[in-house]
Amino acid sequence: MKFFNIQNTEEFLNRVQRCNGAVHSVEADGTVRDLKETAGYLIRTGLASQMKGIDEINLIIEKNTDMEILFSYALGMGREKICA
């Protein structure tokens, strides 16, 4: 699932951290990374609060309940095109 135009990176990464199952990001070159691990690092170091948003991120979400958590976050952003 792709998400677009995430303006509050820290809030999004906090949502990712709440997920019970694995959440991975897929880079443009096809590399798959553990997004929960990355999110934890960015939040702990304070870097997440300094980020200026995420233009586009492609996610692999293990559990349907986690997909609902992230999808409801995306809907709450109030944009026409937020995920695909």
N, C-alpha and C. Protein backbone atom coordinates (compact mmCIF):
# COMPACT_ATOMS: atom_id res chain seq x y z
N MET A 1 0.85 -1.16 0.00
CA MET A 1 0.00 0.00 0.00
C MET A 1 0.90 1.23 0.00
N LYS A 2 0.60 2.15 -0.89
CA LYS A 2 1.38 3.39 -0.95
C LYS A 2 0.64 4.51 -0.23
N PHE A 3 1.40 5.31 0.48
CA PHE A 3 0.88 6.50 1.12
C PHE A 3 1.59 7.70 0.50
N PHE A 4 0.86 8.79 0.35
CA PHE A 4 1.39 9.99 -0.27
C PHE A 4 1.20 11.20 0.64
N ASN A 5 2.12 12.16 0.52
CA ASN A 5 1.99 13.48 1.16
C ASN A 5 1.76 13.42 2.67
N ILE A 6 2.58 12.67 3.36
CA ILE A 6 2.52 12.62 4.82
C ILE A 6 3.27 13.84 5.33
N GLN A 7 2.56 14.74 5.94
CA GLN A 7 3.18 15.99 6.38
C GLN A 7 3.80 15.88 7.77
N ASN A 8 3.19 15.13 8.67
CA ASN A 8 3.71 14.99 10.03
C ASN A 8 4.39 13.63 10.16
N THR A 9 5.68 13.61 9.88
CA THR A 9 6.44 12.36 9.89
C THR A 9 6.43 11.70 11.26
N GLU A 10 6.62 12.46 12.29
CA GLU A 10 6.68 11.88 13.64
C GLU A 10 5.36 11.21 14.02
N GLU A 11 4.26 11.86 13.73
CA GLU A 11 2.95 11.28 14.04
C GLU A 11 2.74 9.98 13.25
N PHE A 12 3.11 9.98 11.98
CA PHE A 12 2.98 8.78 11.16
C PHE A 12 3.83 7.64 11.72
N LEU A 13 5.08 7.94 12.08
CA LEU A 13 5.96 6.91 12.60
C LEU A 13 5.49 6.39 13.96
N ASN A 14 4.87 7.24 14.75
CA ASN A 14 4.27 6.78 16.01
C ASN A 14 3.14 5.79 15.73
N ARG A 15 2.36 6.04 14.69
CA ARG A 15 1.31 5.09 14.30
C ARG A 15 1.91 3.76 13.87
N VAL A 16 2.99 3.83 13.11
CA VAL A 16 3.67 2.61 12.68
C VAL A 16 4.13 1.81 13.91
N GLN A 17 4.64 2.50 14.90
CA GLN A 17 5.10 1.84 16.12
C GLN A 17 3.97 1.14 16.87
N ARG A 18 2.75 1.62 16.74
CA ARG A 18 1.59 1.01 17.41
C ARG A 18 1.14 -0.29 16.76
N CYS A 19 1.58 -0.55 15.56
CA CYS A 19 1.17 -1.75 14.85
C CYS A 19 1.68 -2.99 15.57
N ASN A 20 0.87 -4.05 15.59
CA ASN A 20 1.23 -5.29 16.27
C ASN A 20 2.11 -6.20 15.41
N GLY A 21 1.90 -6.16 14.12
CA GLY A 21 2.67 -7.01 13.21
C GLY A 21 3.79 -6.24 12.55
N ALA A 22 4.45 -6.91 11.64
CA ALA A 22 5.56 -6.29 10.91
C ALA A 22 5.05 -5.26 9.92
N VAL A 23 5.80 -4.17 9.79
CA VAL A 23 5.53 -3.14 8.78
C VAL A 23 6.86 -2.87 8.09
N HIS A 24 6.89 -3.05 6.79
CA HIS A 24 8.11 -2.85 6.01
C HIS A 24 7.88 -1.76 4.97
N SER A 25 8.94 -1.04 4.67
CA SER A 25 8.89 -0.09 3.56
C SER A 25 9.68 -0.69 2.41
N VAL A 26 9.20 -0.41 1.21
CA VAL A 26 9.87 -0.88 0.00
C VAL A 26 10.47 0.34 -0.69
N GLU A 27 11.80 0.34 -0.80
CA GLU A 27 12.51 1.45 -1.42
C GLU A 27 12.33 1.40 -2.94
N ALA A 28 12.68 2.46 -3.62
CA ALA A 28 12.55 2.54 -5.08
C ALA A 28 13.34 1.45 -5.79
N ASP A 29 14.46 1.03 -5.20
CA ASP A 29 15.27 -0.02 -5.82
C ASP A 29 14.81 -1.43 -5.44
N GLY A 30 13.72 -1.53 -4.68
CA GLY A 30 13.18 -2.83 -4.30
C GLY A 30 13.64 -3.34 -2.95
N THR A 31 14.54 -2.63 -2.32
CA THR A 31 15.02 -3.01 -0.99
C THR A 31 13.89 -2.91 0.02
N VAL A 32 13.73 -3.95 0.84
CA VAL A 32 12.69 -3.97 1.86
C VAL A 32 13.34 -3.71 3.22
N ARG A 33 12.80 -2.74 3.96
CA ARG A 33 13.35 -2.37 5.27
C ARG A 33 12.27 -2.48 6.34
N ASP A 34 12.70 -2.83 7.54
CA ASP A 34 11.81 -2.91 8.69
C ASP A 34 11.47 -1.48 9.13
N LEU A 35 10.27 -1.04 8.82
CA LEU A 35 9.90 0.34 9.12
C LEU A 35 9.69 0.56 10.61
N LYS A 36 9.23 -0.45 11.33
CA LYS A 36 9.05 -0.28 12.78
C LYS A 36 10.39 -0.04 13.46
N GLU A 37 11.41 -0.75 13.04
CA GLU A 37 12.75 -0.55 13.60
C GLU A 37 13.27 0.85 13.26
N THR A 38 13.12 1.24 12.01
CA THR A 38 13.56 2.56 11.58
C THR A 38 12.78 3.66 12.31
N ALA A 39 11.47 3.46 12.44
CA ALA A 39 10.63 4.45 13.13
C ALA A 39 11.08 4.62 14.58
N GLY A 40 11.36 3.51 15.25
CA GLY A 40 11.82 3.58 16.64
C GLY A 40 13.11 4.38 16.76
N TYR A 41 14.04 4.14 15.86
CA TYR A 41 15.31 4.87 15.87
C TYR A 41 15.07 6.36 15.64
N LEU A 42 14.27 6.70 14.62
CA LEU A 42 14.04 8.11 14.30
C LEU A 42 13.33 8.84 15.44
N ILE A 43 12.41 8.17 16.11
CA ILE A 43 11.70 8.78 17.23
C ILE A 43 12.63 8.95 18.43
N ARG A 44 13.38 7.90 18.77
CA ARG A 44 14.30 7.95 19.93
C ARG A 44 15.36 9.04 19.78
N THR A 45 15.86 9.22 18.59
CA THR A 45 16.94 10.20 18.37
C THR A 45 16.42 11.62 18.15
N GLY A 46 15.11 11.76 18.00
CA GLY A 46 14.53 13.08 17.76
C GLY A 46 14.55 13.50 16.30
N LEU A 47 15.07 12.65 15.44
CA LEU A 47 15.14 12.98 14.02
C LEU A 47 13.76 13.05 13.37
N ALA A 48 12.82 12.24 13.86
CA ALA A 48 11.47 12.23 13.27
C ALA A 48 10.81 13.60 13.36
N SER A 49 11.03 14.29 14.45
CA SER A 49 10.41 15.61 14.62
C SER A 49 11.04 16.67 13.72
N GLN A 50 12.22 16.39 13.19
CA GLN A 50 12.91 17.34 12.31
C GLN A 50 12.64 17.07 10.83
N MET A 51 12.04 15.94 10.53
CA MET A 51 11.77 15.59 9.13
C MET A 51 10.63 16.45 8.59
N LYS A 52 10.71 16.78 7.33
CA LYS A 52 9.73 17.68 6.69
C LYS A 52 8.62 16.95 5.96
N GLY A 53 8.38 15.70 6.30
CA GLY A 53 7.30 14.95 5.67
C GLY A 53 7.83 13.86 4.76
N ILE A 54 6.90 13.08 4.25
CA ILE A 54 7.22 11.98 3.34
C ILE A 54 6.35 12.15 2.11
N ASP A 55 6.97 12.32 0.95
CA ASP A 55 6.23 12.50 -0.29
C ASP A 55 5.47 11.22 -0.67
N GLU A 56 6.18 10.09 -0.57
CA GLU A 56 5.57 8.81 -0.96
C GLU A 56 6.29 7.69 -0.23
N ILE A 57 5.53 6.72 0.27
CA ILE A 57 6.12 5.55 0.92
C ILE A 57 5.27 4.33 0.58
N ASN A 58 5.95 3.26 0.18
CA ASN A 58 5.29 2.01 -0.18
C ASN A 58 5.48 1.05 0.98
N LEU A 59 4.37 0.55 1.54
CA LEU A 59 4.42 -0.29 2.73
C LEU A 59 3.94 -1.70 2.46
N ILE A 60 4.55 -2.64 3.17
CA ILE A 60 4.04 -4.01 3.26
C ILE A 60 3.60 -4.16 4.71
N ILE A 61 2.31 -4.40 4.92
CA ILE A 61 1.73 -4.46 6.25
C ILE A 61 1.27 -5.89 6.51
N GLU A 62 1.80 -6.51 7.55
CA GLU A 62 1.57 -7.93 7.83
C GLU A 62 0.13 -8.22 8.27
N LYS A 63 -0.42 -7.42 9.17
CA LYS A 63 -1.73 -7.73 9.76
C LYS A 63 -2.80 -6.76 9.25
N ASN A 64 -3.97 -7.32 9.02
CA ASN A 64 -5.10 -6.50 8.57
C ASN A 64 -5.46 -5.42 9.59
N THR A 65 -5.35 -5.74 10.88
CA THR A 65 -5.68 -4.74 11.90
C THR A 65 -4.72 -3.56 11.83
N ASP A 66 -3.46 -3.83 11.50
CA ASP A 66 -2.48 -2.75 11.35
C ASP A 66 -2.77 -1.92 10.10
N MET A 67 -3.24 -2.59 9.07
CA MET A 67 -3.61 -1.88 7.85
C MET A 67 -4.75 -0.90 8.17
N GLU A 68 -5.68 -1.31 9.00
CA GLU A 68 -6.78 -0.43 9.40
C GLU A 68 -6.26 0.77 10.19
N ILE A 69 -5.27 0.55 11.07
CA ILE A 69 -4.69 1.64 11.86
C ILE A 69 -4.07 2.69 10.93
N LEU A 70 -3.29 2.23 9.99
CA LEU A 70 -2.59 3.16 9.09
C LEU A 70 -3.54 3.78 8.08
N PHE A 71 -4.51 3.01 7.62
CA PHE A 71 -5.48 3.55 6.67
C PHE A 71 -6.34 4.62 7.33
N SER A 72 -6.76 4.39 8.57
CA SER A 72 -7.57 5.40 9.26
C SER A 72 -6.75 6.67 9.50
N TYR A 73 -5.44 6.51 9.76
CA TYR A 73 -4.57 7.68 9.87
C TYR A 73 -4.56 8.45 8.56
N ALA A 74 -4.40 7.71 7.46
CA ALA A 74 -4.36 8.35 6.14
C ALA A 74 -5.66 9.09 5.85
N LEU A 75 -6.77 8.48 6.18
CA LEU A 75 -8.07 9.15 5.96
C LEU A 75 -8.18 10.42 6.80
N GLY A 76 -7.61 10.39 7.97
CA GLY A 76 -7.65 11.55 8.84
C GLY A 76 -6.80 12.71 8.37
N MET A 77 -5.89 12.45 7.43
CA MET A 77 -5.06 13.53 6.91
C MET A 77 -5.86 14.47 6.04
N GLY A 78 -7.04 14.01 5.56
CA GLY A 78 -7.93 14.88 4.82
C GLY A 78 -7.45 15.26 3.44
N ARG A 79 -6.85 14.34 2.73
CA ARG A 79 -6.40 14.61 1.37
C ARG A 79 -7.16 13.76 0.38
N GLU A 80 -7.25 14.24 -0.83
CA GLU A 80 -7.94 13.46 -1.86
C GLU A 80 -7.13 12.22 -2.23
N LYS A 81 -5.83 12.39 -2.44
CA LYS A 81 -5.01 11.24 -2.83
C LYS A 81 -4.01 10.98 -1.70
N ILE A 82 -4.31 10.00 -0.86
CA ILE A 82 -3.45 9.72 0.27
C ILE A 82 -2.85 8.34 0.23
N CYS A 83 -3.50 7.41 -0.44
CA CYS A 83 -2.93 6.07 -0.55
C CYS A 83 -3.47 5.39 -1.78
N ALA A 84 -2.75 4.36 -2.21
CA ALA A 84 -3.16 3.62 -3.38
C ALA A 84 -2.89 2.15 -3.17
